[in-house]
Amino acid sequence: GIDLLTGKVHALVRDRHRSREFVEFLK
């Protein structure tokens, strides 16, 4: 995800992109 106000990119790399990985990103 890109912070549209600062340009910073938040990122995770995982084997899959299920709900648990999305929740991990939200955390």
mmCIF file of all heavy atoms, coordinates in Angstrom:
data_MODEL
# 
_entry.id   MODEL 
# 
loop_
_atom_site.group_PDB 
_atom_site.id 
_atom_site.type_symbol 
_atom_site.label_atom_id 
_atom_site.label_alt_id 
_atom_site.label_comp_id 
_atom_site.label_asym_id 
_atom_site.label_entity_id 
_atom_site.label_seq_id 
_atom_site.pdbx_PDB_ins_code 
_atom_site.Cartn_x 
_atom_site.Cartn_y 
_atom_site.Cartn_z 
_atom_site.occupancy 
_atom_site.B_iso_or_equiv 
_atom_site.pdbx_formal_charge 
_atom_site.auth_seq_id 
_atom_site.auth_comp_id 
_atom_site.auth_asym_id 
_atom_site.auth_atom_id 
_atom_site.pdbx_PDB_model_num 
ATOM 1   N N   . GLY A 1 1  ? 0.838  -1.194  0.000  1.00 0.00 ? 1  GLY A N   1 
ATOM 2   C CA  . GLY A 1 1  ? 0.000  0.000   0.000  1.00 0.00 ? 1  GLY A CA  1 
ATOM 3   C C   . GLY A 1 1  ? 0.869  1.239   0.000  1.00 0.00 ? 1  GLY A C   1 
ATOM 4   O O   . GLY A 1 1  ? 1.891  1.282   0.690  1.00 0.00 ? 1  GLY A O   1 
ATOM 5   N N   . ILE A 1 2  ? 0.472  2.248   -0.786 1.00 0.00 ? 2  ILE A N   1 
ATOM 6   C CA  . ILE A 1 2  ? 1.196  3.517   -0.826 1.00 0.00 ? 2  ILE A CA  1 
ATOM 7   C C   . ILE A 1 2  ? 0.442  4.556   -0.003 1.00 0.00 ? 2  ILE A C   1 
ATOM 8   O O   . ILE A 1 2  ? -0.754 4.771   -0.203 1.00 0.00 ? 2  ILE A O   1 
ATOM 9   C CB  . ILE A 1 2  ? 1.327  4.054   -2.261 1.00 0.00 ? 2  ILE A CB  1 
ATOM 10  C CG1 . ILE A 1 2  ? 1.966  3.031   -3.176 1.00 0.00 ? 2  ILE A CG1 1 
ATOM 11  C CG2 . ILE A 1 2  ? 2.126  5.347   -2.291 1.00 0.00 ? 2  ILE A CG2 1 
ATOM 12  C CD1 . ILE A 1 2  ? 2.038  3.502   -4.621 1.00 0.00 ? 2  ILE A CD1 1 
ATOM 13  N N   . ASP A 1 3  ? 1.159  5.190   0.904  1.00 0.00 ? 3  ASP A N   1 
ATOM 14  C CA  . ASP A 1 3  ? 0.595  6.332   1.614  1.00 0.00 ? 3  ASP A CA  1 
ATOM 15  C C   . ASP A 1 3  ? 0.574  7.494   0.627  1.00 0.00 ? 3  ASP A C   1 
ATOM 16  O O   . ASP A 1 3  ? 1.629  7.979   0.194  1.00 0.00 ? 3  ASP A O   1 
ATOM 17  C CB  . ASP A 1 3  ? 1.448  6.683   2.837  1.00 0.00 ? 3  ASP A CB  1 
ATOM 18  C CG  . ASP A 1 3  ? 0.838  7.767   3.696  1.00 0.00 ? 3  ASP A CG  1 
ATOM 19  O OD1 . ASP A 1 3  ? 0.379  8.789   3.122  1.00 0.00 ? 3  ASP A OD1 1 
ATOM 20  O OD2 . ASP A 1 3  ? 0.828  7.639   4.928  1.00 0.00 ? 3  ASP A OD2 1 
ATOM 21  N N   . LEU A 1 4  ? -0.611 7.939   0.242  1.00 0.00 ? 4  LEU A N   1 
ATOM 22  C CA  . LEU A 1 4  ? -0.736 8.939   -0.809 1.00 0.00 ? 4  LEU A CA  1 
ATOM 23  C C   . LEU A 1 4  ? -0.337 10.338  -0.365 1.00 0.00 ? 4  LEU A C   1 
ATOM 24  O O   . LEU A 1 4  ? -0.213 11.245  -1.191 1.00 0.00 ? 4  LEU A O   1 
ATOM 25  C CB  . LEU A 1 4  ? -2.169 8.949   -1.349 1.00 0.00 ? 4  LEU A CB  1 
ATOM 26  C CG  . LEU A 1 4  ? -2.646 7.634   -1.971 1.00 0.00 ? 4  LEU A CG  1 
ATOM 27  C CD1 . LEU A 1 4  ? -4.058 7.792   -2.526 1.00 0.00 ? 4  LEU A CD1 1 
ATOM 28  C CD2 . LEU A 1 4  ? -1.697 7.164   -3.066 1.00 0.00 ? 4  LEU A CD2 1 
ATOM 29  N N   . LEU A 1 5  ? -0.101 10.515  0.933  1.00 0.00 ? 5  LEU A N   1 
ATOM 30  C CA  . LEU A 1 5  ? 0.331  11.815  1.440  1.00 0.00 ? 5  LEU A CA  1 
ATOM 31  C C   . LEU A 1 5  ? 1.840  11.906  1.624  1.00 0.00 ? 5  LEU A C   1 
ATOM 32  O O   . LEU A 1 5  ? 2.417  12.985  1.559  1.00 0.00 ? 5  LEU A O   1 
ATOM 33  C CB  . LEU A 1 5  ? -0.372 12.121  2.769  1.00 0.00 ? 5  LEU A CB  1 
ATOM 34  C CG  . LEU A 1 5  ? -1.890 12.282  2.683  1.00 0.00 ? 5  LEU A CG  1 
ATOM 35  C CD1 . LEU A 1 5  ? -2.501 12.354  4.075  1.00 0.00 ? 5  LEU A CD1 1 
ATOM 36  C CD2 . LEU A 1 5  ? -2.259 13.509  1.875  1.00 0.00 ? 5  LEU A CD2 1 
ATOM 37  N N   . THR A 1 6  ? 2.490  10.764  1.845  1.00 0.00 ? 6  THR A N   1 
ATOM 38  C CA  . THR A 1 6  ? 3.939  10.770  2.094  1.00 0.00 ? 6  THR A CA  1 
ATOM 39  C C   . THR A 1 6  ? 4.740  10.030  1.037  1.00 0.00 ? 6  THR A C   1 
ATOM 40  O O   . THR A 1 6  ? 5.946  10.230  0.913  1.00 0.00 ? 6  THR A O   1 
ATOM 41  C CB  . THR A 1 6  ? 4.256  10.149  3.466  1.00 0.00 ? 6  THR A CB  1 
ATOM 42  O OG1 . THR A 1 6  ? 3.939  8.735   3.427  1.00 0.00 ? 6  THR A OG1 1 
ATOM 43  C CG2 . THR A 1 6  ? 3.463  10.814  4.581  1.00 0.00 ? 6  THR A CG2 1 
ATOM 44  N N   . GLY A 1 7  ? 4.085  9.120   0.291  1.00 0.00 ? 7  GLY A N   1 
ATOM 45  C CA  . GLY A 1 7  ? 4.790  8.312   -0.692 1.00 0.00 ? 7  GLY A CA  1 
ATOM 46  C C   . GLY A 1 7  ? 5.385  7.033   -0.134 1.00 0.00 ? 7  GLY A C   1 
ATOM 47  O O   . GLY A 1 7  ? 5.898  6.208   -0.887 1.00 0.00 ? 7  GLY A O   1 
ATOM 48  N N   . LYS A 1 8  ? 5.321  6.854   1.180  1.00 0.00 ? 8  LYS A N   1 
ATOM 49  C CA  . LYS A 1 8  ? 5.890  5.645   1.783  1.00 0.00 ? 8  LYS A CA  1 
ATOM 50  C C   . LYS A 1 8  ? 5.111  4.409   1.346  1.00 0.00 ? 8  LYS A C   1 
ATOM 51  O O   . LYS A 1 8  ? 3.877  4.425   1.302  1.00 0.00 ? 8  LYS A O   1 
ATOM 52  C CB  . LYS A 1 8  ? 5.869  5.744   3.314  1.00 0.00 ? 8  LYS A CB  1 
ATOM 53  C CG  . LYS A 1 8  ? 6.401  4.493   4.018  1.00 0.00 ? 8  LYS A CG  1 
ATOM 54  C CD  . LYS A 1 8  ? 6.365  4.640   5.530  1.00 0.00 ? 8  LYS A CD  1 
ATOM 55  C CE  . LYS A 1 8  ? 6.729  3.339   6.242  1.00 0.00 ? 8  LYS A CE  1 
ATOM 56  N NZ  . LYS A 1 8  ? 8.093  2.886   5.939  1.00 0.00 ? 8  LYS A NZ  1 
ATOM 57  N N   . VAL A 1 9  ? 5.849  3.340   1.041  1.00 0.00 ? 9  VAL A N   1 
ATOM 58  C CA  . VAL A 1 9  ? 5.229  2.074   0.645  1.00 0.00 ? 9  VAL A CA  1 
ATOM 59  C C   . VAL A 1 9  ? 5.294  1.099   1.819  1.00 0.00 ? 9  VAL A C   1 
ATOM 60  O O   . VAL A 1 9  ? 6.379  0.809   2.336  1.00 0.00 ? 9  VAL A O   1 
ATOM 61  C CB  . VAL A 1 9  ? 5.929  1.457   -0.579 1.00 0.00 ? 9  VAL A CB  1 
ATOM 62  C CG1 . VAL A 1 9  ? 5.282  0.125   -0.946 1.00 0.00 ? 9  VAL A CG1 1 
ATOM 63  C CG2 . VAL A 1 9  ? 5.889  2.409   -1.760 1.00 0.00 ? 9  VAL A CG2 1 
ATOM 64  N N   . HIS A 1 10 ? 4.147  0.617   2.253  1.00 0.00 ? 10 HIS A N   1 
ATOM 65  C CA  . HIS A 1 10 ? 4.067  -0.429  3.273  1.00 0.00 ? 10 HIS A CA  1 
ATOM 66  C C   . HIS A 1 10 ? 3.930  -1.755  2.539  1.00 0.00 ? 10 HIS A C   1 
ATOM 67  O O   . HIS A 1 10 ? 3.125  -1.871  1.611  1.00 0.00 ? 10 HIS A O   1 
ATOM 68  C CB  . HIS A 1 10 ? 2.856  -0.212  4.184  1.00 0.00 ? 10 HIS A CB  1 
ATOM 69  C CG  . HIS A 1 10 ? 2.841  1.122   4.869  1.00 0.00 ? 10 HIS A CG  1 
ATOM 70  N ND1 . HIS A 1 10 ? 3.542  1.374   6.030  1.00 0.00 ? 10 HIS A ND1 1 
ATOM 71  C CD2 . HIS A 1 10 ? 2.211  2.293   4.533  1.00 0.00 ? 10 HIS A CD2 1 
ATOM 72  C CE1 . HIS A 1 10 ? 3.337  2.627   6.399  1.00 0.00 ? 10 HIS A CE1 1 
ATOM 73  N NE2 . HIS A 1 10 ? 2.533  3.200   5.507  1.00 0.00 ? 10 HIS A NE2 1 
ATOM 74  N N   . ALA A 1 11 ? 4.699  -2.765  2.934  1.00 0.00 ? 11 ALA A N   1 
ATOM 75  C CA  . ALA A 1 11 ? 4.676  -4.005  2.153  1.00 0.00 ? 11 ALA A CA  1 
ATOM 76  C C   . ALA A 1 11 ? 4.945  -5.237  2.998  1.00 0.00 ? 11 ALA A C   1 
ATOM 77  O O   . ALA A 1 11 ? 5.663  -5.192  4.003  1.00 0.00 ? 11 ALA A O   1 
ATOM 78  C CB  . ALA A 1 11 ? 5.704  -3.928  1.023  1.00 0.00 ? 11 ALA A CB  1 
ATOM 79  N N   . LEU A 1 12 ? 4.334  -6.338  2.551  1.00 0.00 ? 12 LEU A N   1 
ATOM 80  C CA  . LEU A 1 12 ? 4.597  -7.672  3.076  1.00 0.00 ? 12 LEU A CA  1 
ATOM 81  C C   . LEU A 1 12 ? 4.764  -8.606  1.881  1.00 0.00 ? 12 LEU A C   1 
ATOM 82  O O   . LEU A 1 12 ? 4.101  -8.437  0.861  1.00 0.00 ? 12 LEU A O   1 
ATOM 83  C CB  . LEU A 1 12 ? 3.440  -8.190  3.930  1.00 0.00 ? 12 LEU A CB  1 
ATOM 84  C CG  . LEU A 1 12 ? 3.183  -7.582  5.304  1.00 0.00 ? 12 LEU A CG  1 
ATOM 85  C CD1 . LEU A 1 12 ? 1.900  -8.174  5.899  1.00 0.00 ? 12 LEU A CD1 1 
ATOM 86  C CD2 . LEU A 1 12 ? 4.363  -7.831  6.234  1.00 0.00 ? 12 LEU A CD2 1 
ATOM 87  N N   . VAL A 1 13 ? 5.621  -9.602  2.014  1.00 0.00 ? 13 VAL A N   1 
ATOM 88  C CA  . VAL A 1 13 ? 5.749  -10.642 0.992  1.00 0.00 ? 13 VAL A CA  1 
ATOM 89  C C   . VAL A 1 13 ? 5.427  -11.971 1.665  1.00 0.00 ? 13 VAL A C   1 
ATOM 90  O O   . VAL A 1 13 ? 6.060  -12.349 2.643  1.00 0.00 ? 13 VAL A O   1 
ATOM 91  C CB  . VAL A 1 13 ? 7.167  -10.683 0.387  1.00 0.00 ? 13 VAL A CB  1 
ATOM 92  C CG1 . VAL A 1 13 ? 7.267  -11.804 -0.648 1.00 0.00 ? 13 VAL A CG1 1 
ATOM 93  C CG2 . VAL A 1 13 ? 7.500  -9.343  -0.266 1.00 0.00 ? 13 VAL A CG2 1 
ATOM 94  N N   . ARG A 1 14 ? 4.423  -12.653 1.139  1.00 0.00 ? 14 ARG A N   1 
ATOM 95  C CA  . ARG A 1 14 ? 3.991  -13.914 1.720  1.00 0.00 ? 14 ARG A CA  1 
ATOM 96  C C   . ARG A 1 14 ? 3.739  -14.940 0.611  1.00 0.00 ? 14 ARG A C   1 
ATOM 97  O O   . ARG A 1 14 ? 3.659  -14.606 -0.565 1.00 0.00 ? 14 ARG A O   1 
ATOM 98  C CB  . ARG A 1 14 ? 2.707  -13.716 2.540  1.00 0.00 ? 14 ARG A CB  1 
ATOM 99  C CG  . ARG A 1 14 ? 2.897  -12.809 3.751  1.00 0.00 ? 14 ARG A CG  1 
ATOM 100 C CD  . ARG A 1 14 ? 3.778  -13.479 4.783  1.00 0.00 ? 14 ARG A CD  1 
ATOM 101 N NE  . ARG A 1 14 ? 3.960  -12.670 5.990  1.00 0.00 ? 14 ARG A NE  1 
ATOM 102 C CZ  . ARG A 1 14 ? 4.997  -11.875 6.211  1.00 0.00 ? 14 ARG A CZ  1 
ATOM 103 N NH1 . ARG A 1 14 ? 5.944  -11.757 5.279  1.00 0.00 ? 14 ARG A NH1 1 
ATOM 104 N NH2 . ARG A 1 14 ? 5.110  -11.193 7.334  1.00 0.00 ? 14 ARG A NH2 1 
ATOM 105 N N   . ASP A 1 15 ? 3.584  -16.205 1.003  1.00 0.00 ? 15 ASP A N   1 
ATOM 106 C CA  . ASP A 1 15 ? 3.322  -17.259 0.022  1.00 0.00 ? 15 ASP A CA  1 
ATOM 107 C C   . ASP A 1 15 ? 1.951  -17.093 -0.632 1.00 0.00 ? 15 ASP A C   1 
ATOM 108 O O   . ASP A 1 15 ? 1.767  -17.415 -1.810 1.00 0.00 ? 15 ASP A O   1 
ATOM 109 C CB  . ASP A 1 15 ? 3.400  -18.642 0.680  1.00 0.00 ? 15 ASP A CB  1 
ATOM 110 C CG  . ASP A 1 15 ? 4.825  -19.055 0.999  1.00 0.00 ? 15 ASP A CG  1 
ATOM 111 O OD1 . ASP A 1 15 ? 5.756  -18.423 0.472  1.00 0.00 ? 15 ASP A OD1 1 
ATOM 112 O OD2 . ASP A 1 15 ? 4.999  -20.001 1.780  1.00 0.00 ? 15 ASP A OD2 1 
ATOM 113 N N   . ARG A 1 16 ? 0.986  -16.583 0.138  1.00 0.00 ? 16 ARG A N   1 
ATOM 114 C CA  . ARG A 1 16 ? -0.371 -16.442 -0.360 1.00 0.00 ? 16 ARG A CA  1 
ATOM 115 C C   . ARG A 1 16 ? -0.931 -15.089 0.060  1.00 0.00 ? 16 ARG A C   1 
ATOM 116 O O   . ARG A 1 16 ? -0.256 -14.313 0.766  1.00 0.00 ? 16 ARG A O   1 
ATOM 117 C CB  . ARG A 1 16 ? -1.246 -17.590 0.174  1.00 0.00 ? 16 ARG A CB  1 
ATOM 118 C CG  . ARG A 1 16 ? -0.732 -18.963 -0.235 1.00 0.00 ? 16 ARG A CG  1 
ATOM 119 C CD  . ARG A 1 16 ? -1.487 -20.090 0.451  1.00 0.00 ? 16 ARG A CD  1 
ATOM 120 N NE  . ARG A 1 16 ? -2.884 -20.174 0.027  1.00 0.00 ? 16 ARG A NE  1 
ATOM 121 C CZ  . ARG A 1 16 ? -3.747 -21.071 0.484  1.00 0.00 ? 16 ARG A CZ  1 
ATOM 122 N NH1 . ARG A 1 16 ? -3.361 -21.961 1.377  1.00 0.00 ? 16 ARG A NH1 1 
ATOM 123 N NH2 . ARG A 1 16 ? -4.995 -21.084 0.052  1.00 0.00 ? 16 ARG A NH2 1 
ATOM 124 N N   . HIS A 1 17 ? -2.184 -14.802 -0.353 1.00 0.00 ? 17 HIS A N   1 
ATOM 125 C CA  . HIS A 1 17 ? -2.802 -13.533 0.047  1.00 0.00 ? 17 HIS A CA  1 
ATOM 126 C C   . HIS A 1 17 ? -4.255 -13.787 0.460  1.00 0.00 ? 17 HIS A C   1 
ATOM 127 O O   . HIS A 1 17 ? -5.194 -13.264 -0.117 1.00 0.00 ? 17 HIS A O   1 
ATOM 128 C CB  . HIS A 1 17 ? -2.710 -12.488 -1.066 1.00 0.00 ? 17 HIS A CB  1 
ATOM 129 C CG  . HIS A 1 17 ? -3.318 -12.889 -2.373 1.00 0.00 ? 17 HIS A CG  1 
ATOM 130 N ND1 . HIS A 1 17 ? -2.761 -13.821 -3.198 1.00 0.00 ? 17 HIS A ND1 1 
ATOM 131 C CD2 . HIS A 1 17 ? -4.450 -12.470 -2.993 1.00 0.00 ? 17 HIS A CD2 1 
ATOM 132 C CE1 . HIS A 1 17 ? -3.509 -13.969 -4.267 1.00 0.00 ? 17 HIS A CE1 1 
ATOM 133 N NE2 . HIS A 1 17 ? -4.552 -13.162 -4.167 1.00 0.00 ? 17 HIS A NE2 1 
ATOM 134 N N   . ARG A 1 18 ? -4.398 -14.578 1.518  1.00 0.00 ? 18 ARG A N   1 
ATOM 135 C CA  . ARG A 1 18 ? -5.703 -14.892 2.082  1.00 0.00 ? 18 ARG A CA  1 
ATOM 136 C C   . ARG A 1 18 ? -6.090 -13.834 3.113  1.00 0.00 ? 18 ARG A C   1 
ATOM 137 O O   . ARG A 1 18 ? -5.395 -12.833 3.293  1.00 0.00 ? 18 ARG A O   1 
ATOM 138 C CB  . ARG A 1 18 ? -5.675 -16.271 2.729  1.00 0.00 ? 18 ARG A CB  1 
ATOM 139 C CG  . ARG A 1 18 ? -5.300 -17.408 1.777  1.00 0.00 ? 18 ARG A CG  1 
ATOM 140 C CD  . ARG A 1 18 ? -4.828 -18.628 2.545  1.00 0.00 ? 18 ARG A CD  1 
ATOM 141 N NE  . ARG A 1 18 ? -3.591 -18.344 3.284  1.00 0.00 ? 18 ARG A NE  1 
ATOM 142 C CZ  . ARG A 1 18 ? -2.960 -19.207 4.056  1.00 0.00 ? 18 ARG A CZ  1 
ATOM 143 N NH1 . ARG A 1 18 ? -3.465 -20.427 4.223  1.00 0.00 ? 18 ARG A NH1 1 
ATOM 144 N NH2 . ARG A 1 18 ? -1.845 -18.871 4.673  1.00 0.00 ? 18 ARG A NH2 1 
ATOM 145 N N   . SER A 1 19 ? -7.183 -14.093 3.826  1.00 0.00 ? 19 SER A N   1 
ATOM 146 C CA  . SER A 1 19 ? -7.632 -13.165 4.865  1.00 0.00 ? 19 SER A CA  1 
ATOM 147 C C   . SER A 1 19 ? -6.565 -12.983 5.940  1.00 0.00 ? 19 SER A C   1 
ATOM 148 O O   . SER A 1 19 ? -6.337 -11.863 6.411  1.00 0.00 ? 19 SER A O   1 
ATOM 149 C CB  . SER A 1 19 ? -8.925 -13.680 5.503  1.00 0.00 ? 19 SER A CB  1 
ATOM 150 O OG  . SER A 1 19 ? -9.973 -13.722 4.573  1.00 0.00 ? 19 SER A OG  1 
ATOM 151 N N   . ARG A 1 20 ? -5.915 -14.065 6.325  1.00 0.00 ? 20 ARG A N   1 
ATOM 152 C CA  . ARG A 1 20 ? -4.928 -13.945 7.405  1.00 0.00 ? 20 ARG A CA  1 
ATOM 153 C C   . ARG A 1 20 ? -3.753 -13.060 7.004  1.00 0.00 ? 20 ARG A C   1 
ATOM 154 O O   . ARG A 1 20 ? -3.215 -12.311 7.833  1.00 0.00 ? 20 ARG A O   1 
ATOM 155 C CB  . ARG A 1 20 ? -4.441 -15.325 7.841  1.00 0.00 ? 20 ARG A CB  1 
ATOM 156 C CG  . ARG A 1 20 ? -3.642 -16.101 6.817  1.00 0.00 ? 20 ARG A CG  1 
ATOM 157 C CD  . ARG A 1 20 ? -3.323 -17.495 7.309  1.00 0.00 ? 20 ARG A CD  1 
ATOM 158 N NE  . ARG A 1 20 ? -4.543 -18.286 7.454  1.00 0.00 ? 20 ARG A NE  1 
ATOM 159 C CZ  . ARG A 1 20 ? -4.553 -19.563 7.844  1.00 0.00 ? 20 ARG A CZ  1 
ATOM 160 N NH1 . ARG A 1 20 ? -3.413 -20.169 8.131  1.00 0.00 ? 20 ARG A NH1 1 
ATOM 161 N NH2 . ARG A 1 20 ? -5.690 -20.213 7.940  1.00 0.00 ? 20 ARG A NH2 1 
ATOM 162 N N   . GLU A 1 21 ? -3.353 -13.125 5.723  1.00 0.00 ? 21 GLU A N   1 
ATOM 163 C CA  . GLU A 1 21 ? -2.269 -12.257 5.265  1.00 0.00 ? 21 GLU A CA  1 
ATOM 164 C C   . GLU A 1 21 ? -2.738 -10.804 5.178  1.00 0.00 ? 21 GLU A C   1 
ATOM 165 O O   . GLU A 1 21 ? -1.979 -9.877  5.492  1.00 0.00 ? 21 GLU A O   1 
ATOM 166 C CB  . GLU A 1 21 ? -1.740 -12.718 3.899  1.00 0.00 ? 21 GLU A CB  1 
ATOM 167 C CG  . GLU A 1 21 ? -0.874 -13.964 3.942  1.00 0.00 ? 21 GLU A CG  1 
ATOM 168 C CD  . GLU A 1 21 ? -1.672 -15.257 4.002  1.00 0.00 ? 21 GLU A CD  1 
ATOM 169 O OE1 . GLU A 1 21 ? -2.883 -15.230 3.652  1.00 0.00 ? 21 GLU A OE1 1 
ATOM 170 O OE2 . GLU A 1 21 ? -1.109 -16.299 4.385  1.00 0.00 ? 21 GLU A OE2 1 
ATOM 171 N N   . PHE A 1 22 ? -3.993 -10.607 4.758  1.00 0.00 ? 22 PHE A N   1 
ATOM 172 C CA  . PHE A 1 22 ? -4.522 -9.247  4.697  1.00 0.00 ? 22 PHE A CA  1 
ATOM 173 C C   . PHE A 1 22 ? -4.622 -8.643  6.091  1.00 0.00 ? 22 PHE A C   1 
ATOM 174 O O   . PHE A 1 22 ? -4.267 -7.469  6.303  1.00 0.00 ? 22 PHE A O   1 
ATOM 175 C CB  . PHE A 1 22 ? -5.891 -9.244  4.016  1.00 0.00 ? 22 PHE A CB  1 
ATOM 176 C CG  . PHE A 1 22 ? -6.515 -7.877  3.924  1.00 0.00 ? 22 PHE A CG  1 
ATOM 177 C CD1 . PHE A 1 22 ? -5.839 -6.828  3.318  1.00 0.00 ? 22 PHE A CD1 1 
ATOM 178 C CD2 . PHE A 1 22 ? -7.785 -7.646  4.440  1.00 0.00 ? 22 PHE A CD2 1 
ATOM 179 C CE1 . PHE A 1 22 ? -6.414 -5.566  3.225  1.00 0.00 ? 22 PHE A CE1 1 
ATOM 180 C CE2 . PHE A 1 22 ? -8.363 -6.389  4.342  1.00 0.00 ? 22 PHE A CE2 1 
ATOM 181 C CZ  . PHE A 1 22 ? -7.675 -5.347  3.741  1.00 0.00 ? 22 PHE A CZ  1 
ATOM 182 N N   . VAL A 1 23 ? -5.087 -9.427  7.050  1.00 0.00 ? 23 VAL A N   1 
ATOM 183 C CA  . VAL A 1 23 ? -5.152 -8.946  8.435  1.00 0.00 ? 23 VAL A CA  1 
ATOM 184 C C   . VAL A 1 23 ? -3.745 -8.620  8.943  1.00 0.00 ? 23 VAL A C   1 
ATOM 185 O O   . VAL A 1 23 ? -3.544 -7.627  9.655  1.00 0.00 ? 23 VAL A O   1 
ATOM 186 C CB  . VAL A 1 23 ? -5.837 -9.989  9.345  1.00 0.00 ? 23 VAL A CB  1 
ATOM 187 C CG1 . VAL A 1 23 ? -5.648 -9.628  10.816 1.00 0.00 ? 23 VAL A CG1 1 
ATOM 188 C CG2 . VAL A 1 23 ? -7.320 -10.093 9.010  1.00 0.00 ? 23 VAL A CG2 1 
ATOM 189 N N   . GLU A 1 24 ? -2.777 -9.427  8.559  1.00 0.00 ? 24 GLU A N   1 
ATOM 190 C CA  . GLU A 1 24 ? -1.388 -9.158  8.944  1.00 0.00 ? 24 GLU A CA  1 
ATOM 191 C C   . GLU A 1 24 ? -0.941 -7.801  8.389  1.00 0.00 ? 24 GLU A C   1 
ATOM 192 O O   . GLU A 1 24 ? -0.243 -7.037  9.060  1.00 0.00 ? 24 GLU A O   1 
ATOM 193 C CB  . GLU A 1 24 ? -0.473 -10.272 8.438  1.00 0.00 ? 24 GLU A CB  1 
ATOM 194 C CG  . GLU A 1 24 ? 0.955  -10.172 8.937  1.00 0.00 ? 24 GLU A CG  1 
ATOM 195 C CD  . GLU A 1 24 ? 1.841  -11.307 8.447  1.00 0.00 ? 24 GLU A CD  1 
ATOM 196 O OE1 . GLU A 1 24 ? 1.327  -12.226 7.766  1.00 0.00 ? 24 GLU A OE1 1 
ATOM 197 O OE2 . GLU A 1 24 ? 3.060  -11.277 8.729  1.00 0.00 ? 24 GLU A OE2 1 
ATOM 198 N N   . PHE A 1 25 ? -1.350 -7.507  7.149  1.00 0.00 ? 25 PHE A N   1 
ATOM 199 C CA  . PHE A 1 25 ? -1.006 -6.210  6.571  1.00 0.00 ? 25 PHE A CA  1 
ATOM 200 C C   . PHE A 1 25 ? -1.698 -5.081  7.328  1.00 0.00 ? 25 PHE A C   1 
ATOM 201 O O   . PHE A 1 25 ? -1.091 -4.022  7.580  1.00 0.00 ? 25 PHE A O   1 
ATOM 202 C CB  . PHE A 1 25 ? -1.390 -6.168  5.094  1.00 0.00 ? 25 PHE A CB  1 
ATOM 203 C CG  . PHE A 1 25 ? -1.011 -4.872  4.430  1.00 0.00 ? 25 PHE A CG  1 
ATOM 204 C CD1 . PHE A 1 25 ? 0.265  -4.691  3.922  1.00 0.00 ? 25 PHE A CD1 1 
ATOM 205 C CD2 . PHE A 1 25 ? -1.926 -3.826  4.336  1.00 0.00 ? 25 PHE A CD2 1 
ATOM 206 C CE1 . PHE A 1 25 ? 0.630  -3.493  3.324  1.00 0.00 ? 25 PHE A CE1 1 
ATOM 207 C CE2 . PHE A 1 25 ? -1.568 -2.616  3.740  1.00 0.00 ? 25 PHE A CE2 1 
ATOM 208 C CZ  . PHE A 1 25 ? -0.289 -2.455  3.239  1.00 0.00 ? 25 PHE A CZ  1 
ATOM 209 N N   . LEU A 1 26 ? -2.968 -5.271  7.678  1.00 0.00 ? 26 LEU A N   1 
ATOM 210 C CA  . LEU A 1 26 ? -3.688 -4.253  8.446  1.00 0.00 ? 26 LEU A CA  1 
ATOM 211 C C   . LEU A 1 26 ? -3.007 -4.007  9.789  1.00 0.00 ? 26 LEU A C   1 
ATOM 212 O O   . LEU A 1 26 ? -2.931 -2.861  10.257 1.00 0.00 ? 26 LEU A O   1 
ATOM 213 C CB  . LEU A 1 26 ? -5.138 -4.671  8.657  1.00 0.00 ? 26 LEU A CB  1 
ATOM 214 C CG  . LEU A 1 26 ? -6.020 -4.746  7.403  1.00 0.00 ? 26 LEU A CG  1 
ATOM 215 C CD1 . LEU A 1 26 ? -7.421 -5.215  7.780  1.00 0.00 ? 26 LEU A CD1 1 
ATOM 216 C CD2 . LEU A 1 26 ? -6.078 -3.394  6.698  1.00 0.00 ? 26 LEU A CD2 1 
ATOM 217 N N   . LYS A 1 27 ? -2.496 -5.064  10.393 1.00 0.00 ? 27 LYS A N   1 
ATOM 218 C CA  . LYS A 1 27 ? -1.771 -4.913  11.661 1.00 0.00 ? 27 LYS A CA  1 
ATOM 219 C C   . LYS A 1 27 ? -0.493 -4.106  11.449 1.00 0.00 ? 27 LYS A C   1 
ATOM 220 O O   . LYS A 1 27 ? -0.087 -3.317  12.319 1.00 0.00 ? 27 LYS A O   1 
ATOM 221 C CB  . LYS A 1 27 ? -1.443 -6.287  12.247 1.00 0.00 ? 27 LYS A CB  1 
ATOM 222 C CG  . LYS A 1 27 ? -2.649 -7.040  12.781 1.00 0.00 ? 27 LYS A CG  1 
ATOM 223 C CD  . LYS A 1 27 ? -2.254 -8.414  13.322 1.00 0.00 ? 27 LYS A CD  1 
ATOM 224 C CE  . LYS A 1 27 ? -3.468 -9.162  13.876 1.00 0.00 ? 27 LYS A CE  1 
ATOM 225 N NZ  . LYS A 1 27 ? -3.115 -10.522 14.372 1.00 0.00 ? 27 LYS A NZ  1 
# 
